[in-house]
Amino acid sequence: MTDQQQTEDLDQVWEVRRRWVGIVAFLFGAGVVLGFFGFWPGLPHVVDWGAVLVAVLVGAVARWAAQGWVNRLARRRAP
């Protein structure tokens, strides 16, 4: 393998890892918010459209933060 092929393979590995971490972070963030609205004492135990919208927004922010973290790791480990 040449250096260019190794670099392309490494870039592809980091891209897959970045995508995977983003999906997991989104699902975790959205799940936590839906769980909060669904089970927190004192709140009505009905998940309405507002709760779904907030869960999607929190999931998107979690995804953005996690992908930024993976990008920083990739830059540090790049030769």
C-alpha atoms as a PDB file:
ATOM      1  CA  MET A   1       0.000   0.000   0.000  1.00  0.00           C
ATOM      2  CA  THR A   2       1.141   3.478  -0.685  1.00  0.00           C
ATOM      3  CA  ASP A   3       0.970   6.321   1.792  1.00  0.00           C
ATOM      4  CA  GLN A   4      -1.950   7.843  -0.095  1.00  0.00           C
ATOM      5  CA  GLN A   5      -3.977   4.625   0.128  1.00  0.00           C
ATOM      6  CA  GLN A   6      -3.243   4.329   3.846  1.00  0.00           C
ATOM      7  CA  THR A   7      -4.347   7.919   4.390  1.00  0.00           C
ATOM      8  CA  GLU A   8      -7.562   7.360   2.436  1.00  0.00           C
ATOM      9  CA  ASP A   9      -8.279   4.179   4.415  1.00  0.00           C
ATOM     10  CA  LEU A  10      -7.672   5.995   7.691  1.00  0.00           C
ATOM     11  CA  ASP A  11      -9.945   8.846   6.599  1.00  0.00           C
ATOM     12  CA  GLN A  12     -12.655   6.347   5.742  1.00  0.00           C
ATOM     13  CA  VAL A  13     -12.293   4.653   9.136  1.00  0.00           C
ATOM     14  CA  TRP A  14     -12.657   7.987  10.929  1.00  0.00           C
ATOM     15  CA  GLU A  15     -15.671   8.897   8.795  1.00  0.00           C
ATOM     16  CA  VAL A  16     -17.421   5.632   9.699  1.00  0.00           C
ATOM     17  CA  ARG A  17     -16.557   6.134  13.368  1.00  0.00           C
ATOM     18  CA  ARG A  18     -17.823   9.737  13.227  1.00  0.00           C
ATOM     19  CA  ARG A  19     -21.116   8.629  11.683  1.00  0.00           C
ATOM     20  CA  TRP A  20     -21.555   5.800  14.217  1.00  0.00           C
ATOM     21  CA  VAL A  21     -20.838   8.068  17.191  1.00  0.00           C
ATOM     22  CA  GLY A  22     -23.265  10.662  15.806  1.00  0.00           C
ATOM     23  CA  ILE A  23     -26.089   8.132  15.514  1.00  0.00           C
ATOM     24  CA  VAL A  24     -25.524   6.779  19.019  1.00  0.00           C
ATOM     25  CA  ALA A  25     -25.337  10.282  20.511  1.00  0.00           C
ATOM     26  CA  PHE A  26     -28.545  11.346  18.777  1.00  0.00           C
ATOM     27  CA  LEU A  27     -30.454   8.293  19.979  1.00  0.00           C
ATOM     28  CA  PHE A  28     -29.101   8.644  23.512  1.00  0.00           C
ATOM     29  CA  GLY A  29     -29.945  12.358  23.730  1.00  0.00           C
ATOM     30  CA  ALA A  30     -33.426  11.908  22.317  1.00  0.00           C
ATOM     31  CA  GLY A  31     -34.066   8.891  24.543  1.00  0.00           C
ATOM     32  CA  VAL A  32     -33.004  10.710  27.690  1.00  0.00           C
ATOM     33  CA  VAL A  33     -35.300  13.640  26.940  1.00  0.00           C
ATOM     34  CA  LEU A  34     -38.261  11.412  26.082  1.00  0.00           C
ATOM     35  CA  GLY A  35     -37.616   9.420  29.255  1.00  0.00           C
ATOM     36  CA  PHE A  36     -37.496  12.632  31.260  1.00  0.00           C
ATOM     37  CA  PHE A  37     -40.800  13.884  29.870  1.00  0.00           C
ATOM     38  CA  GLY A  38     -42.414  10.468  30.153  1.00  0.00           C
ATOM     39  CA  PHE A  39     -41.367   9.454  33.659  1.00  0.00           C
ATOM     40  CA  TRP A  40     -40.303  12.480  35.719  1.00  0.00           C
ATOM     41  CA  PRO A  41     -42.545  12.846  38.790  1.00  0.00           C
ATOM     42  CA  GLY A  42     -44.798  15.865  38.695  1.00  0.00           C
ATOM     43  CA  LEU A  43     -44.966  16.119  34.927  1.00  0.00           C
ATOM     44  CA  PRO A  44     -47.973  14.822  33.041  1.00  0.00           C
ATOM     45  CA  HIS A  45     -47.031  11.388  31.743  1.00  0.00           C
ATOM     46  CA  VAL A  46     -47.960  12.184  28.186  1.00  0.00           C
ATOM     47  CA  VAL A  47     -45.356  12.640  25.490  1.00  0.00           C
ATOM     48  CA  ASP A  48     -46.786  15.328  23.227  1.00  0.00           C
ATOM     49  CA  TRP A  49     -45.383  16.974  20.089  1.00  0.00           C
ATOM     50  CA  GLY A  50     -43.505  19.542  22.154  1.00  0.00           C
ATOM     51  CA  ALA A  51     -41.622  16.792  23.968  1.00  0.00           C
ATOM     52  CA  VAL A  52     -40.836  15.078  20.676  1.00  0.00           C
ATOM     53  CA  LEU A  53     -39.553  18.337  19.186  1.00  0.00           C
ATOM     54  CA  VAL A  54     -37.348  19.035  22.215  1.00  0.00           C
ATOM     55  CA  ALA A  55     -36.042  15.450  22.090  1.00  0.00           C
ATOM     56  CA  VAL A  56     -35.103  15.835  18.418  1.00  0.00           C
ATOM     57  CA  LEU A  57     -33.366  19.153  19.115  1.00  0.00           C
ATOM     58  CA  VAL A  58     -31.425  17.755  22.087  1.00  0.00           C
ATOM     59  CA  GLY A  59     -30.504  14.703  20.012  1.00  0.00           C
ATOM     60  CA  ALA A  60     -29.226  16.960  17.227  1.00  0.00           C
ATOM     61  CA  VAL A  61     -27.113  18.973  19.670  1.00  0.00           C
ATOM     62  CA  ALA A  62     -25.730  15.763  21.180  1.00  0.00           C
ATOM     63  CA  ARG A  63     -24.877  14.497  17.688  1.00  0.00           C
ATOM     64  CA  TRP A  64     -23.151  17.759  16.800  1.00  0.00           C
ATOM     65  CA  ALA A  65     -21.102  17.696  20.020  1.00  0.00           C
ATOM     66  CA  ALA A  66     -20.118  14.040  19.639  1.00  0.00           C
ATOM     67  CA  GLN A  67     -19.053  14.471  16.030  1.00  0.00           C
ATOM     68  CA  GLY A  68     -16.984  17.503  16.996  1.00  0.00           C
ATOM     69  CA  TRP A  69     -15.291  15.416  19.656  1.00  0.00           C
ATOM     70  CA  VAL A  70     -14.476  12.668  17.137  1.00  0.00           C
ATOM     71  CA  ASN A  71     -13.139  15.256  14.677  1.00  0.00           C
ATOM     72  CA  ARG A  72     -10.794  16.644  17.345  1.00  0.00           C
ATOM     73  CA  LEU A  73      -9.551  13.130  18.099  1.00  0.00           C
ATOM     74  CA  ALA A  74      -8.953  12.461  14.403  1.00  0.00           C
ATOM     75  CA  ARG A  75      -6.954  15.675  13.996  1.00  0.00           C
ATOM     76  CA  ARG A  76      -4.791  14.853  17.031  1.00  0.00           C
ATOM     77  CA  ARG A  77      -4.011  11.369  15.771  1.00  0.00           C
ATOM     78  CA  ALA A  78      -3.342  12.413  12.183  1.00  0.00           C
ATOM     79  CA  PRO A  79       0.322  12.243  11.203  1.00  0.00           C
END
